[in-house]
N, C-alpha and C. Protein backbone atom coordinates (compact mmCIF):
# COMPACT_ATOMS: atom_id res chain seq x y z
N MET A 1 127.08 -95.06 195.62
CA MET A 1 127.25 -96.15 196.55
C MET A 1 126.99 -97.47 195.82
N THR A 2 127.83 -98.46 196.05
CA THR A 2 127.66 -99.75 195.40
C THR A 2 126.54 -100.51 196.09
N ASP A 3 125.90 -101.37 195.31
CA ASP A 3 124.81 -102.18 195.82
C ASP A 3 125.39 -103.42 196.49
N THR A 4 125.22 -103.54 197.80
CA THR A 4 125.73 -104.69 198.53
C THR A 4 124.62 -105.71 198.71
N GLN A 5 125.01 -106.90 199.12
CA GLN A 5 124.03 -107.95 199.40
C GLN A 5 123.03 -107.46 200.45
N ILE A 6 123.50 -106.77 201.46
CA ILE A 6 122.61 -106.31 202.53
C ILE A 6 121.68 -105.20 202.03
N SER A 7 122.19 -104.30 201.22
CA SER A 7 121.30 -103.25 200.70
C SER A 7 120.24 -103.86 199.78
N SER A 8 120.60 -104.88 199.01
CA SER A 8 119.62 -105.58 198.17
C SER A 8 118.57 -106.27 199.04
N PHE A 9 119.04 -106.93 200.09
CA PHE A 9 118.12 -107.58 201.03
C PHE A 9 117.14 -106.56 201.62
N LEU A 10 117.66 -105.45 202.08
CA LEU A 10 116.80 -104.43 202.70
C LEU A 10 115.78 -103.88 201.71
N SER A 11 116.20 -103.63 200.48
CA SER A 11 115.25 -103.08 199.50
C SER A 11 114.20 -104.12 199.09
N ASP A 12 114.56 -105.40 199.12
CA ASP A 12 113.62 -106.46 198.74
C ASP A 12 112.66 -106.85 199.87
N CYS A 13 113.11 -106.75 201.12
CA CYS A 13 112.39 -107.41 202.21
C CYS A 13 111.92 -106.51 203.34
N VAL A 14 112.32 -105.25 203.35
CA VAL A 14 112.03 -104.40 204.50
C VAL A 14 111.40 -103.09 204.02
N VAL A 15 110.36 -102.66 204.74
CA VAL A 15 109.81 -101.32 204.53
C VAL A 15 110.05 -100.54 205.81
N PHE A 16 110.26 -99.24 205.65
CA PHE A 16 110.54 -98.37 206.77
C PHE A 16 109.32 -97.52 207.08
N ASP A 17 108.98 -97.43 208.35
CA ASP A 17 107.87 -96.59 208.79
C ASP A 17 108.37 -95.74 209.95
N ASP A 18 108.70 -94.50 209.65
CA ASP A 18 109.25 -93.61 210.68
C ASP A 18 108.25 -93.25 211.77
N ASP A 19 106.96 -93.50 211.53
CA ASP A 19 105.92 -93.10 212.48
C ASP A 19 105.66 -94.13 213.58
N THR A 20 106.45 -95.19 213.63
CA THR A 20 106.21 -96.21 214.64
C THR A 20 107.48 -96.52 215.42
N GLU A 21 107.31 -96.84 216.67
CA GLU A 21 108.43 -97.28 217.51
C GLU A 21 108.61 -98.79 217.41
N GLU A 22 107.57 -99.48 216.93
CA GLU A 22 107.68 -100.92 216.75
C GLU A 22 108.68 -101.20 215.66
N GLY A 23 109.14 -102.41 215.59
CA GLY A 23 110.11 -102.76 214.57
C GLY A 23 110.39 -104.24 214.59
N LEU A 24 111.54 -104.61 214.08
CA LEU A 24 111.95 -106.01 214.04
C LEU A 24 113.13 -106.21 214.97
N ASP A 25 113.08 -107.29 215.74
CA ASP A 25 114.23 -107.59 216.58
C ASP A 25 115.31 -108.23 215.71
N PHE A 26 116.53 -108.26 216.22
CA PHE A 26 117.66 -108.74 215.44
C PHE A 26 117.45 -110.17 214.97
N ASP A 27 116.98 -111.06 215.85
CA ASP A 27 116.81 -112.46 215.46
C ASP A 27 115.82 -112.61 214.32
N THR A 28 114.73 -111.85 214.36
CA THR A 28 113.74 -111.89 213.28
C THR A 28 114.34 -111.35 211.99
N LEU A 29 115.05 -110.25 212.08
CA LEU A 29 115.66 -109.64 210.90
C LEU A 29 116.69 -110.58 210.28
N TYR A 30 117.48 -111.24 211.12
CA TYR A 30 118.48 -112.18 210.60
C TYR A 30 117.79 -113.40 210.00
N GLY A 31 116.73 -113.89 210.64
CA GLY A 31 115.97 -115.01 210.09
C GLY A 31 115.36 -114.67 208.74
N LEU A 32 114.86 -113.45 208.61
CA LEU A 32 114.33 -112.97 207.33
C LEU A 32 115.44 -112.95 206.28
N TYR A 33 116.61 -112.49 206.68
CA TYR A 33 117.76 -112.46 205.77
C TYR A 33 118.13 -113.88 205.31
N ILE A 34 118.13 -114.83 206.23
CA ILE A 34 118.45 -116.22 205.88
C ILE A 34 117.42 -116.74 204.87
N SER A 35 116.13 -116.46 205.09
CA SER A 35 115.10 -116.88 204.14
C SER A 35 115.35 -116.27 202.77
N TRP A 36 115.70 -114.98 202.74
CA TRP A 36 115.99 -114.29 201.49
C TRP A 36 117.17 -114.95 200.78
N CYS A 37 118.20 -115.30 201.53
CA CYS A 37 119.37 -115.96 200.94
C CYS A 37 118.99 -117.32 200.37
N VAL A 38 118.21 -118.10 201.11
CA VAL A 38 117.82 -119.43 200.64
C VAL A 38 117.01 -119.31 199.36
N LEU A 39 116.03 -118.42 199.34
CA LEU A 39 115.19 -118.26 198.15
C LEU A 39 115.99 -117.77 196.95
N GLY A 40 116.99 -116.92 197.20
CA GLY A 40 117.80 -116.37 196.11
C GLY A 40 119.08 -117.14 195.84
N ARG A 41 119.24 -118.27 196.54
CA ARG A 41 120.45 -119.10 196.39
C ARG A 41 121.73 -118.30 196.59
N LYS A 42 121.71 -117.50 197.68
CA LYS A 42 122.87 -116.70 198.06
C LYS A 42 123.49 -117.29 199.32
N VAL A 43 124.75 -117.09 199.51
CA VAL A 43 125.44 -117.56 200.70
C VAL A 43 125.31 -116.48 201.78
N PRO A 44 124.65 -116.81 202.91
CA PRO A 44 124.49 -115.80 203.96
C PRO A 44 125.78 -115.54 204.72
N ILE A 45 125.89 -114.34 205.23
CA ILE A 45 127.02 -113.99 206.08
C ILE A 45 126.66 -114.33 207.53
N PRO A 46 127.65 -114.52 208.40
CA PRO A 46 127.37 -114.81 209.81
C PRO A 46 126.62 -113.66 210.48
N ASP A 47 125.93 -113.97 211.57
CA ASP A 47 125.11 -112.95 212.25
C ASP A 47 125.93 -111.76 212.73
N SER A 48 127.17 -111.96 213.16
CA SER A 48 127.99 -110.84 213.62
C SER A 48 128.33 -109.90 212.46
N ALA A 49 128.63 -110.46 211.30
CA ALA A 49 128.90 -109.64 210.11
C ALA A 49 127.62 -108.96 209.63
N PHE A 50 126.48 -109.63 209.78
CA PHE A 50 125.19 -109.05 209.41
C PHE A 50 124.90 -107.82 210.27
N ARG A 51 125.15 -107.93 211.56
CA ARG A 51 124.95 -106.81 212.48
C ARG A 51 125.81 -105.61 212.05
N THR A 52 127.06 -105.87 211.73
CA THR A 52 127.96 -104.81 211.29
C THR A 52 127.48 -104.21 209.97
N ALA A 53 127.03 -105.06 209.05
CA ALA A 53 126.54 -104.57 207.75
C ALA A 53 125.31 -103.69 207.92
N LEU A 54 124.44 -104.03 208.86
CA LEU A 54 123.26 -103.19 209.13
C LEU A 54 123.69 -101.81 209.61
N GLU A 55 124.70 -101.78 210.47
CA GLU A 55 125.22 -100.49 210.95
C GLU A 55 125.81 -99.68 209.80
N LEU A 56 126.52 -100.34 208.89
CA LEU A 56 127.08 -99.65 207.73
C LEU A 56 125.99 -99.12 206.81
N GLU A 57 124.83 -99.76 206.83
CA GLU A 57 123.68 -99.29 206.05
C GLU A 57 122.92 -98.17 206.78
N GLY A 58 123.39 -97.83 207.98
CA GLY A 58 122.77 -96.74 208.73
C GLY A 58 121.67 -97.15 209.69
N LEU A 59 121.48 -98.44 209.89
CA LEU A 59 120.45 -98.91 210.82
C LEU A 59 121.03 -99.04 212.22
N ARG A 60 120.35 -98.47 213.17
CA ARG A 60 120.78 -98.52 214.56
C ARG A 60 119.69 -99.19 215.39
N ALA A 61 120.12 -100.13 216.19
CA ALA A 61 119.18 -100.83 217.05
C ALA A 61 119.07 -100.13 218.39
N ARG A 62 117.95 -100.33 219.05
CA ARG A 62 117.79 -99.88 220.42
C ARG A 62 117.51 -101.13 221.25
N LYS A 63 117.83 -101.05 222.52
CA LYS A 63 117.57 -102.18 223.42
C LYS A 63 116.12 -102.09 223.91
N ASP A 64 115.42 -103.21 223.84
CA ASP A 64 114.05 -103.30 224.31
C ASP A 64 113.90 -104.64 225.02
N HIS A 65 113.84 -104.60 226.35
CA HIS A 65 113.74 -105.81 227.17
C HIS A 65 114.86 -106.80 226.85
N GLY A 66 116.07 -106.28 226.69
CA GLY A 66 117.23 -107.13 226.46
C GLY A 66 117.43 -107.56 225.02
N GLN A 67 116.57 -107.14 224.11
CA GLN A 67 116.71 -107.49 222.71
C GLN A 67 117.07 -106.26 221.89
N ARG A 68 117.85 -106.47 220.82
CA ARG A 68 118.12 -105.39 219.88
C ARG A 68 116.93 -105.28 218.95
N VAL A 69 116.31 -104.10 218.90
CA VAL A 69 115.16 -103.87 218.03
C VAL A 69 115.49 -102.73 217.08
N TYR A 70 115.16 -102.94 215.82
CA TYR A 70 115.34 -101.92 214.79
C TYR A 70 113.99 -101.25 214.56
N PRO A 71 113.78 -100.07 215.17
CA PRO A 71 112.47 -99.42 215.11
C PRO A 71 112.09 -99.02 213.69
N GLY A 72 110.80 -99.11 213.42
CA GLY A 72 110.26 -98.67 212.14
C GLY A 72 110.38 -99.67 211.01
N LEU A 73 110.94 -100.84 211.26
CA LEU A 73 111.11 -101.84 210.20
C LEU A 73 109.96 -102.83 210.21
N ASN A 74 109.47 -103.16 209.03
CA ASN A 74 108.47 -104.20 208.83
C ASN A 74 108.92 -105.06 207.67
N MET A 75 108.62 -106.37 207.71
CA MET A 75 109.04 -107.25 206.64
C MET A 75 107.95 -107.41 205.60
N VAL A 76 108.39 -107.57 204.34
CA VAL A 76 107.49 -107.73 203.20
C VAL A 76 108.09 -108.71 202.21
N GLY A 77 107.27 -109.18 201.30
CA GLY A 77 107.75 -109.97 200.18
C GLY A 77 107.81 -111.47 200.42
N ALA A 78 108.36 -112.15 199.43
CA ALA A 78 108.42 -113.61 199.45
C ALA A 78 109.24 -114.16 200.61
N ALA A 79 110.34 -113.50 200.94
CA ALA A 79 111.17 -113.97 202.04
C ALA A 79 110.43 -113.83 203.37
N ALA A 80 109.61 -112.79 203.51
CA ALA A 80 108.81 -112.62 204.73
C ALA A 80 107.82 -113.77 204.86
N ARG A 81 107.16 -114.10 203.77
CA ARG A 81 106.20 -115.21 203.78
C ARG A 81 106.91 -116.52 204.12
N ASP A 82 108.07 -116.75 203.50
CA ASP A 82 108.84 -117.96 203.78
C ASP A 82 109.28 -118.02 205.23
N TYR A 83 109.76 -116.90 205.76
CA TYR A 83 110.21 -116.85 207.15
C TYR A 83 109.07 -117.16 208.10
N VAL A 84 107.93 -116.53 207.89
CA VAL A 84 106.78 -116.75 208.78
C VAL A 84 106.29 -118.19 208.68
N MET A 85 106.17 -118.71 207.47
CA MET A 85 105.66 -120.07 207.30
C MET A 85 106.57 -121.12 207.92
N ASN A 86 107.86 -120.83 207.98
CA ASN A 86 108.79 -121.82 208.49
C ASN A 86 109.25 -121.58 209.92
N SER A 87 108.72 -120.56 210.57
CA SER A 87 109.18 -120.30 211.93
C SER A 87 108.06 -120.24 212.96
N VAL A 88 106.82 -120.22 212.53
CA VAL A 88 105.70 -120.14 213.46
C VAL A 88 105.18 -121.55 213.70
N PRO A 89 105.22 -122.03 214.94
CA PRO A 89 104.73 -123.39 215.21
C PRO A 89 103.20 -123.45 215.14
N VAL A 90 102.70 -124.63 214.79
CA VAL A 90 101.27 -124.90 214.82
C VAL A 90 101.05 -125.88 215.96
N TRP A 91 100.15 -125.54 216.87
CA TRP A 91 99.89 -126.39 218.03
C TRP A 91 98.74 -127.33 217.72
N THR A 92 98.96 -128.61 218.00
CA THR A 92 97.90 -129.61 217.88
C THR A 92 97.87 -130.41 219.16
N GLU A 93 96.72 -130.97 219.47
CA GLU A 93 96.61 -131.78 220.68
C GLU A 93 96.64 -133.25 220.30
N THR A 94 97.43 -134.03 221.03
CA THR A 94 97.50 -135.45 220.76
C THR A 94 96.71 -136.26 221.78
N ASP A 95 96.66 -135.81 223.01
CA ASP A 95 95.92 -136.57 224.01
C ASP A 95 95.04 -135.64 224.86
N ASN A 96 94.61 -134.56 224.31
CA ASN A 96 93.77 -133.56 224.97
C ASN A 96 94.46 -132.84 226.12
N ARG A 97 95.76 -133.05 226.32
CA ARG A 97 96.47 -132.35 227.39
C ARG A 97 97.78 -131.75 226.94
N VAL A 98 98.52 -132.43 226.07
CA VAL A 98 99.88 -132.01 225.75
C VAL A 98 99.93 -131.48 224.31
N PRO A 99 100.20 -130.18 224.14
CA PRO A 99 100.33 -129.66 222.77
C PRO A 99 101.64 -130.10 222.14
N VAL A 100 101.60 -130.34 220.86
CA VAL A 100 102.77 -130.76 220.10
C VAL A 100 103.01 -129.74 219.00
N VAL A 101 104.26 -129.37 218.80
CA VAL A 101 104.61 -128.42 217.75
C VAL A 101 104.84 -129.19 216.46
N THR A 102 104.18 -128.74 215.39
CA THR A 102 104.41 -129.33 214.08
C THR A 102 104.87 -128.23 213.14
N GLN A 103 105.57 -128.61 212.10
CA GLN A 103 106.09 -127.64 211.14
C GLN A 103 105.05 -127.38 210.06
N LEU A 104 104.88 -126.11 209.68
CA LEU A 104 103.99 -125.75 208.59
C LEU A 104 104.64 -126.11 207.26
N SER A 105 103.82 -126.51 206.31
CA SER A 105 104.29 -126.66 204.94
C SER A 105 103.36 -125.87 204.06
N GLU A 106 103.82 -125.55 202.87
CA GLU A 106 102.99 -124.76 201.97
C GLU A 106 101.71 -125.50 201.61
N ASP A 107 101.74 -126.84 201.63
CA ASP A 107 100.54 -127.61 201.30
C ASP A 107 99.51 -127.63 202.41
N SER A 108 99.93 -127.30 203.65
CA SER A 108 99.01 -127.39 204.79
C SER A 108 98.27 -126.11 205.11
N VAL A 109 98.57 -125.02 204.39
CA VAL A 109 97.88 -123.76 204.66
C VAL A 109 97.35 -123.21 203.34
N PRO A 110 96.28 -122.42 203.42
CA PRO A 110 95.73 -121.82 202.19
C PRO A 110 96.74 -120.87 201.56
N SER A 111 96.58 -120.63 200.30
CA SER A 111 97.45 -119.72 199.56
C SER A 111 97.37 -118.32 200.14
N LEU A 112 98.51 -117.61 200.17
CA LEU A 112 98.55 -116.25 200.68
C LEU A 112 98.36 -115.22 199.56
N ARG A 113 98.02 -115.66 198.39
CA ARG A 113 97.85 -114.74 197.25
C ARG A 113 96.53 -114.06 197.27
């Protein structure tokens, strides 16, 4: 089998755990893929093509509360760190009543090493 961009992404960024029903939803998995592409200076494919490529790799999603979830998948590696750091909001208070979302930067959090 030839090594495709998606198979490389999966081997770099995803670990499989058959013993769990938890997993990654499609939006998280695609966001992780986008982070992997940015870090590797690769051109990402559209989300519809990504979904098809996952199926060709043998991954099947199940519906969970209206979301496609890929059971047993967990994210790892540099792309996972990048995805989490750039997608999780930090809440701060400006007037003791209204929270404001700010973007995380690598300089604003301790090293993950």
